[in-house]
Amino acid sequence: MFSSGQMIFAIFFVIAFSIIITYMYRKDIKFLKNTYRGVHWVLIGFIVFFSLLLFLKKMVND
C-alpha cells in the first residue's frame, strides 16, 4: 500500500513531531499553569450543563 520511502518518512515524522511537541510543552508548562488556573471549573460547568440537558430531554420525552 505504501512504499518503503513513505513508511520511513512517516516513522521519522511521528518521532520528530512527538519530540518537538514534548519539548515545547515542557518549555511552556510554567506559563500554562499561571494562565489556565481554574479552567477545570469550566469543564465541570459544561459537564453539569450537558447532564442537565440530557435529564430534561429524558423527562420531556417520557
N, C-alpha and C. Protein backbone atom coordinates (compact mmCIF):
# COMPACT_ATOMS: atom_id res chain seq x y z
N MET A 1 0.83 -1.17 0.00
CA MET A 1 0.00 0.00 0.00
C MET A 1 0.88 1.26 0.00
N PHE A 2 1.86 1.32 0.89
CA PHE A 2 2.79 2.44 0.94
C PHE A 2 4.16 1.97 0.51
N SER A 3 4.92 2.85 -0.12
CA SER A 3 6.29 2.48 -0.48
C SER A 3 7.17 2.56 0.76
N SER A 4 8.36 1.98 0.66
CA SER A 4 9.25 1.98 1.81
C SER A 4 9.68 3.41 2.15
N GLY A 5 9.84 4.27 1.16
CA GLY A 5 10.20 5.66 1.42
C GLY A 5 9.11 6.39 2.19
N GLN A 6 7.87 6.12 1.86
CA GLN A 6 6.75 6.75 2.57
C GLN A 6 6.68 6.26 4.01
N MET A 7 6.93 5.00 4.23
CA MET A 7 6.91 4.45 5.58
C MET A 7 8.04 5.04 6.43
N ILE A 8 9.22 5.16 5.85
CA ILE A 8 10.35 5.76 6.58
C ILE A 8 10.04 7.21 6.92
N PHE A 9 9.48 7.95 5.96
CA PHE A 9 9.11 9.34 6.23
C PHE A 9 8.07 9.43 7.33
N ALA A 10 7.06 8.56 7.30
CA ALA A 10 6.00 8.60 8.31
C ALA A 10 6.57 8.30 9.70
N ILE A 11 7.42 7.32 9.81
CA ILE A 11 8.02 6.98 11.10
C ILE A 11 8.88 8.14 11.60
N PHE A 12 9.71 8.71 10.72
CA PHE A 12 10.55 9.84 11.11
C PHE A 12 9.69 11.03 11.53
N PHE A 13 8.62 11.29 10.79
CA PHE A 13 7.75 12.42 11.10
C PHE A 13 7.10 12.25 12.47
N VAL A 14 6.58 11.06 12.78
CA VAL A 14 5.93 10.81 14.07
C VAL A 14 6.92 10.97 15.21
N ILE A 15 8.12 10.46 15.05
CA ILE A 15 9.13 10.58 16.10
C ILE A 15 9.53 12.03 16.30
N ALA A 16 9.82 12.75 15.20
CA ALA A 16 10.23 14.15 15.30
C ALA A 16 9.11 15.01 15.88
N PHE A 17 7.89 14.78 15.43
CA PHE A 17 6.74 15.55 15.91
C PHE A 17 6.55 15.34 17.41
N SER A 18 6.65 14.10 17.87
CA SER A 18 6.48 13.80 19.29
C SER A 18 7.57 14.47 20.14
N ILE A 19 8.79 14.45 19.65
CA ILE A 19 9.89 15.08 20.39
C ILE A 19 9.69 16.59 20.47
N ILE A 20 9.31 17.21 19.36
CA ILE A 20 9.12 18.66 19.34
C ILE A 20 7.95 19.07 20.22
N ILE A 21 6.85 18.35 20.16
CA ILE A 21 5.69 18.68 21.00
C ILE A 21 6.03 18.54 22.48
N THR A 22 6.74 17.49 22.84
CA THR A 22 7.13 17.28 24.24
C THR A 22 8.06 18.40 24.70
N TYR A 23 9.02 18.78 23.87
CA TYR A 23 9.95 19.86 24.22
C TYR A 23 9.20 21.18 24.41
N MET A 24 8.30 21.51 23.50
CA MET A 24 7.57 22.77 23.60
C MET A 24 6.65 22.78 24.82
N TYR A 25 6.03 21.66 25.13
CA TYR A 25 5.16 21.59 26.30
C TYR A 25 5.96 21.81 27.58
N ARG A 26 7.10 21.16 27.69
CA ARG A 26 7.93 21.33 28.88
C ARG A 26 8.44 22.77 29.00
N LYS A 27 8.68 23.40 27.87
CA LYS A 27 9.15 24.78 27.87
C LYS A 27 8.05 25.73 28.35
N ASP A 28 6.79 25.46 28.00
CA ASP A 28 5.68 26.35 28.32
C ASP A 28 4.90 25.98 29.57
N ILE A 29 5.30 24.96 30.29
CA ILE A 29 4.47 24.46 31.39
C ILE A 29 4.29 25.50 32.50
N LYS A 30 5.32 26.29 32.80
CA LYS A 30 5.17 27.31 33.83
C LYS A 30 4.16 28.37 33.41
N PHE A 31 4.23 28.79 32.16
CA PHE A 31 3.29 29.77 31.64
C PHE A 31 1.87 29.22 31.64
N LEU A 32 1.71 27.96 31.26
CA LEU A 32 0.39 27.36 31.18
C LEU A 32 -0.26 27.24 32.56
N LYS A 33 0.53 26.92 33.58
CA LYS A 33 -0.02 26.79 34.92
C LYS A 33 -0.59 28.11 35.42
N ASN A 34 0.08 29.21 35.13
CA ASN A 34 -0.40 30.52 35.58
C ASN A 34 -1.56 31.02 34.74
N THR A 35 -1.54 30.75 33.46
CA THR A 35 -2.55 31.29 32.55
C THR A 35 -3.89 30.57 32.69
N TYR A 36 -3.88 29.27 32.80
CA TYR A 36 -5.11 28.48 32.78
C TYR A 36 -5.51 28.00 34.17
N ARG A 37 -5.23 28.80 35.18
CA ARG A 37 -5.61 28.45 36.54
C ARG A 37 -7.13 28.48 36.66
N GLY A 38 -7.74 27.46 37.20
CA GLY A 38 -9.18 27.42 37.41
C GLY A 38 -9.98 26.96 36.21
N VAL A 39 -9.33 26.49 35.16
CA VAL A 39 -10.04 26.08 33.96
C VAL A 39 -10.85 24.80 34.19
N HIS A 40 -10.51 24.03 35.21
CA HIS A 40 -11.25 22.80 35.48
C HIS A 40 -12.70 23.11 35.88
N TRP A 41 -12.94 24.30 36.46
CA TRP A 41 -14.32 24.66 36.82
C TRP A 41 -15.17 24.86 35.57
N VAL A 42 -14.57 25.31 34.50
CA VAL A 42 -15.31 25.47 33.23
C VAL A 42 -15.71 24.10 32.71
N LEU A 43 -14.80 23.14 32.77
CA LEU A 43 -15.10 21.78 32.33
C LEU A 43 -16.22 21.17 33.18
N ILE A 44 -16.15 21.35 34.47
CA ILE A 44 -17.21 20.84 35.36
C ILE A 44 -18.54 21.49 35.02
N GLY A 45 -18.53 22.80 34.74
CA GLY A 45 -19.75 23.50 34.35
C GLY A 45 -20.36 22.95 33.08
N PHE A 46 -19.53 22.68 32.08
CA PHE A 46 -20.03 22.09 30.83
C PHE A 46 -20.63 20.71 31.06
N ILE A 47 -19.98 19.91 31.88
CA ILE A 47 -20.49 18.56 32.16
C ILE A 47 -21.83 18.64 32.88
N VAL A 48 -21.94 19.54 33.87
CA VAL A 48 -23.20 19.70 34.60
C VAL A 48 -24.29 20.19 33.66
N PHE A 49 -23.98 21.18 32.83
CA PHE A 49 -24.96 21.73 31.90
C PHE A 49 -25.43 20.66 30.91
N PHE A 50 -24.50 19.90 30.35
CA PHE A 50 -24.86 18.84 29.40
C PHE A 50 -25.70 17.76 30.09
N SER A 51 -25.34 17.42 31.32
CA SER A 51 -26.12 16.42 32.07
C SER A 51 -27.54 16.93 32.32
N LEU A 52 -27.66 18.21 32.65
CA LEU A 52 -28.97 18.82 32.86
C LEU A 52 -29.81 18.77 31.58
N LEU A 53 -29.19 19.06 30.45
CA LEU A 53 -29.91 18.99 29.17
C LEU A 53 -30.40 17.57 28.88
N LEU A 54 -29.53 16.57 29.11
CA LEU A 54 -29.94 15.18 28.89
C LEU A 54 -31.08 14.78 29.83
N PHE A 55 -30.99 15.22 31.09
CA PHE A 55 -32.04 14.92 32.06
C PHE A 55 -33.36 15.54 31.64
N LEU A 56 -33.34 16.81 31.24
CA LEU A 56 -34.57 17.47 30.81
C LEU A 56 -35.15 16.84 29.55
N LYS A 57 -34.29 16.44 28.63
CA LYS A 57 -34.76 15.77 27.41
C LYS A 57 -35.46 14.46 27.75
N LYS A 58 -34.87 13.72 28.67
CA LYS A 58 -35.47 12.45 29.07
C LYS A 58 -36.80 12.68 29.76
N MET A 59 -36.88 13.71 30.58
CA MET A 59 -38.13 14.00 31.30
C MET A 59 -39.25 14.45 30.34
N VAL A 60 -38.90 15.22 29.34
CA VAL A 60 -39.90 15.74 28.39
C VAL A 60 -40.38 14.65 27.45
N ASN A 61 -39.48 13.78 27.00
CA ASN A 61 -39.85 12.74 26.03
C ASN A 61 -40.60 11.56 26.67
N ASP A 62 -40.47 11.36 27.94
CA ASP A 62 -41.16 10.23 28.59
C ASP A 62 -42.53 10.59 29.07
